C-alpha atoms as a PDB file:
ATOM      1  CA  LYS A   1     165.033  72.002  67.096  1.00  0.00           C
ATOM      2  CA  ASP A   2     167.030  69.366  65.392  1.00  0.00           C
ATOM      3  CA  GLY A   3     170.488  70.988  66.002  1.00  0.00           C
ATOM      4  CA  ASN A   4     171.232  71.896  62.412  1.00  0.00           C
ATOM      5  CA  LYS A   5     171.147  75.715  63.167  1.00  0.00           C
ATOM      6  CA  LYS A   6     168.204  76.134  60.634  1.00  0.00           C
ATOM      7  CA  VAL A   7     164.422  76.233  61.006  1.00  0.00           C
ATOM      8  CA  CYS A   8     162.446  73.633  59.061  1.00  0.00           C
ATOM      9  CA  LEU A   9     158.743  73.927  58.271  1.00  0.00           C
ATOM     10  CA  ARG A  10     157.899  71.977  61.361  1.00  0.00           C
ATOM     11  CA  GLU A  11     160.023  74.233  63.531  1.00  0.00           C
ATOM     12  CA  LEU A  12     158.606  77.355  61.885  1.00  0.00           C
ATOM     13  CA  LYS A  13     155.141  76.231  62.691  1.00  0.00           C
ATOM     14  CA  HIS A  14     155.999  75.556  66.416  1.00  0.00           C
ATOM     15  CA  ALA A  15     157.663  78.911  66.771  1.00  0.00           C
ATOM     16  CA  LEU A  16     154.785  80.915  65.100  1.00  0.00           C
ATOM     17  CA  LEU A  17     152.355  79.016  67.395  1.00  0.00           C
ATOM     18  CA  GLU A  18     154.371  79.977  70.528  1.00  0.00           C
ATOM     19  CA  LEU A  19     154.488  83.661  69.216  1.00  0.00           C
ATOM     20  CA  ALA A  20     150.771  83.815  68.329  1.00  0.00           C
ATOM     21  CA  LEU A  21     149.003  86.493  70.301  1.00  0.00           C
ATOM     22  CA  ASP A  22     145.428  85.270  69.651  1.00  0.00           C
ATOM     23  CA  GLU A  23     143.250  82.532  68.029  1.00  0.00           C
ATOM     24  CA  GLN A  24     143.481  84.258  64.603  1.00  0.00           C
ATOM     25  CA  GLU A  25     147.371  84.198  64.591  1.00  0.00           C
ATOM     26  CA  LYS A  26     147.289  80.548  65.891  1.00  0.00           C
ATOM     27  CA  ALA A  27     145.070  79.498  62.953  1.00  0.00           C
ATOM     28  CA  GLU A  28     147.391  81.152  60.472  1.00  0.00           C
ATOM     29  CA  ALA A  29     150.449  79.534  62.168  1.00  0.00           C
ATOM     30  CA  SER A  30     148.596  76.124  61.662  1.00  0.00           C
ATOM     31  CA  ASP A  31     147.667  76.823  58.028  1.00  0.00           C
ATOM     32  CA  ALA A  32     149.880  74.925  55.612  1.00  0.00           C
ATOM     33  CA  ASP A  33     149.397  77.518  52.999  1.00  0.00           C
ATOM     34  CA  SER A  34     150.470  80.398  55.141  1.00  0.00           C
ATOM     35  CA  LEU A  35     153.546  78.406  56.335  1.00  0.00           C
ATOM     36  CA  GLU A  36     154.472  77.680  52.756  1.00  0.00           C
ATOM     37  CA  ILE A  37     154.312  81.422  51.855  1.00  0.00           C
ATOM     38  CA  ILE A  38     156.452  82.362  54.862  1.00  0.00           C
ATOM     39  CA  MET A  39     158.963  79.520  53.948  1.00  0.00           C
ATOM     40  CA  ASN A  40     159.060  80.707  50.286  1.00  0.00           C
ATOM     41  CA  ILE A  41     159.657  84.335  51.245  1.00  0.00           C
ATOM     42  CA  ALA A  42     162.347  83.666  53.959  1.00  0.00           C
ATOM     43  CA  ASP A  43     164.121  80.776  52.281  1.00  0.00           C
ATOM     44  CA  SER A  44     166.187  82.617  49.711  1.00  0.00           C
ATOM     45  CA  ASP A  45     168.523  79.670  49.001  1.00  0.00           C
ATOM     46  CA  GLU A  46     165.595  77.393  48.477  1.00  0.00           C
ATOM     47  CA  ASP A  47     166.917  74.598  50.719  1.00  0.00           C
ATOM     48  CA  ARG A  48     163.583  74.310  52.571  1.00  0.00           C
ATOM     49  CA  ASP A  49     165.159  75.526  55.768  1.00  0.00           C
ATOM     50  CA  ILE A  50     165.545  78.973  57.185  1.00  0.00           C
ATOM     51  CA  SER A  51     169.053  79.967  58.235  1.00  0.00           C
ATOM     52  CA  CYS A  52     169.943  82.553  60.820  1.00  0.00           C
ATOM     53  CA  GLU A  53     170.664  85.005  57.963  1.00  0.00           C
ATOM     54  CA  GLU A  54     167.462  84.256  56.335  1.00  0.00           C
ATOM     55  CA  LEU A  55     165.624  84.753  59.632  1.00  0.00           C
ATOM     56  CA  ILE A  56     167.276  88.134  60.415  1.00  0.00           C
ATOM     57  CA  LYS A  57     166.542  89.302  56.938  1.00  0.00           C
ATOM     58  CA  LEU A  58     162.902  88.375  57.188  1.00  0.00           C
ATOM     59  CA  ILE A  59     162.372  89.988  60.638  1.00  0.00           C
ATOM     60  CA  LEU A  60     164.414  93.132  60.031  1.00  0.00           C
ATOM     61  CA  GLY A  61     164.204  93.487  56.188  1.00  0.00           C
ATOM     62  CA  GLU A  62     167.851  94.019  55.877  1.00  0.00           C
ATOM     63  CA  SER A  63     169.582  93.351  52.511  1.00  0.00           C
ATOM     64  CA  ASP A  64     172.939  92.377  54.151  1.00  0.00           C
ATOM     65  CA  PRO A  65     172.123  90.504  57.371  1.00  0.00           C
ATOM     66  CA  ARG A  66     175.793  89.451  58.094  1.00  0.00           C
ATOM     67  CA  THR A  67     177.124  92.934  58.108  1.00  0.00           C
ATOM     68  CA  MET A  68     174.115  94.174  60.081  1.00  0.00           C
ATOM     69  CA  MET A  69     174.483  91.480  62.702  1.00  0.00           C
ATOM     70  CA  ILE A  70     178.226  92.062  63.160  1.00  0.00           C
ATOM     71  CA  ASP A  71     177.438  95.833  63.656  1.00  0.00           C
ATOM     72  CA  ILE A  72     174.833  94.977  66.087  1.00  0.00           C
ATOM     73  CA  PHE A  73     177.083  92.666  68.015  1.00  0.00           C
ATOM     74  CA  ILE A  74     179.989  95.165  68.197  1.00  0.00           C
ATOM     75  CA  GLU A  75     177.654  97.825  69.573  1.00  0.00           C
ATOM     76  CA  ALA A  76     175.927  95.559  72.028  1.00  0.00           C
ATOM     77  CA  ASP A  77     179.221  94.035  73.369  1.00  0.00           C
ATOM     78  CA  LYS A  78     179.796  96.766  75.838  1.00  0.00           C
ATOM     79  CA  GLU A  79     182.379  94.751  77.674  1.00  0.00           C
ATOM     80  CA  ARG A  80     184.353  94.011  74.430  1.00  0.00           C
ATOM     81  CA  LYS A  81     184.403  90.316  75.296  1.00  0.00           C
ATOM     82  CA  GLY A  82     183.458  89.089  71.792  1.00  0.00           C
ATOM     83  CA  LYS A  83     180.246  87.341  73.131  1.00  0.00           C
ATOM     84  CA  LEU A  84     176.697  88.282  73.786  1.00  0.00           C
ATOM     85  CA  SER A  85     174.262  86.595  76.198  1.00  0.00           C
ATOM     86  CA  ALA A  86     170.592  86.172  75.298  1.00  0.00           C
ATOM     87  CA  ILE A  87     169.759  89.081  77.589  1.00  0.00           C
ATOM     88  CA  GLU A  88     172.325  91.460  75.875  1.00  0.00           C
ATOM     89  CA  PHE A  89     170.982  90.376  72.513  1.00  0.00           C
ATOM     90  CA  LYS A  90     167.386  90.996  73.590  1.00  0.00           C
ATOM     91  CA  GLU A  91     168.242  94.378  74.998  1.00  0.00           C
ATOM     92  CA  LYS A  92     169.848  95.430  71.815  1.00  0.00           C
ATOM     93  CA  MET A  93     167.213  94.133  69.549  1.00  0.00           C
ATOM     94  CA  LEU A  94     164.524  95.848  71.637  1.00  0.00           C
ATOM     95  CA  SER A  95     166.435  99.095  71.424  1.00  0.00           C
ATOM     96  CA  MET A  96     166.415  98.863  67.600  1.00  0.00           C
ATOM     97  CA  ALA A  97     162.952  97.517  67.086  1.00  0.00           C
ATOM     98  CA  LYS A  98     160.782  99.037  69.824  1.00  0.00           C
ATOM     99  CA  ASP A  99     157.532  98.458  67.958  1.00  0.00           C
ATOM    100  CA  ASP A 100     158.411  94.879  67.041  1.00  0.00           C
ATOM    101  CA  GLU A 101     156.611  92.494  69.463  1.00  0.00           C
ATOM    102  CA  THR A 102     158.941  89.659  68.387  1.00  0.00           C
ATOM    103  CA  PHE A 103     161.828  90.796  70.608  1.00  0.00           C
ATOM    104  CA  LYS A 104     159.499  91.266  73.677  1.00  0.00           C
ATOM    105  CA  ASN A 105     158.808  87.460  73.544  1.00  0.00           C
ATOM    106  CA  ASP A 106     161.473  85.409  75.340  1.00  0.00           C
ATOM    107  CA  THR A 107     160.681  82.364  73.259  1.00  0.00           C
ATOM    108  CA  ALA A 108     161.297  84.193  70.048  1.00  0.00           C
ATOM    109  CA  VAL A 109     164.558  85.579  71.345  1.00  0.00           C
ATOM    110  CA  GLN A 110     165.660  82.138  72.523  1.00  0.00           C
ATOM    111  CA  LEU A 111     164.795  80.728  69.111  1.00  0.00           C
ATOM    112  CA  MET A 112     167.026  83.334  67.527  1.00  0.00           C
ATOM    113  CA  VAL A 113     169.931  82.799  69.985  1.00  0.00           C
ATOM    114  CA  ASP A 114     169.550  78.993  69.410  1.00  0.00           C
ATOM    115  CA  VAL A 115     169.729  79.563  65.625  1.00  0.00           C
ATOM    116  CA  LEU A 116     172.724  82.008  65.959  1.00  0.00           C
ATOM    117  CA  ASP A 117     174.618  80.026  68.636  1.00  0.00           C
ATOM    118  CA  MET A 118     177.206  78.047  66.683  1.00  0.00           C
ATOM    119  CA  ASP A 119     178.751  75.907  69.532  1.00  0.00           C
ATOM    120  CA  GLY A 120     175.831  75.383  72.009  1.00  0.00           C
ATOM    121  CA  ASP A 121     177.162  77.556  74.934  1.00  0.00           C
ATOM    122  CA  LYS A 122     174.179  79.900  74.795  1.00  0.00           C
ATOM    123  CA  LEU A 123     176.436  82.784  73.830  1.00  0.00           C
ATOM    124  CA  LEU A 124     176.564  84.596  70.511  1.00  0.00           C
ATOM    125  CA  LYS A 125     180.085  85.127  69.169  1.00  0.00           C
ATOM    126  CA  ILE A 126     181.102  88.148  67.171  1.00  0.00           C
END
């Protein structure tokens, strides 16, 4: 991660390799054509990086990721402190996407938190 709060092609490959469950998925994650397809699908603003909004839209298929994430944060922020830890974020995402293996993987959750964390304190702000 280069600190720009976006995922480039190299970082996408690294994340997909970390998430791969078997050799077939590892091969797909290493395939340049597969990576380009994912980038082209996710990168809606065509800047060759995947932003947090684009990542959320890709994973959850939401048409308005900003509104959806605000709603998720508000609901997950039980203490009304305006912040979510990685654990709180993971618990909420797991409750919403029970069949999605992505949120069961700590590396994937940490990648999302890193992308969404705007000031480096490892907390997500509403």
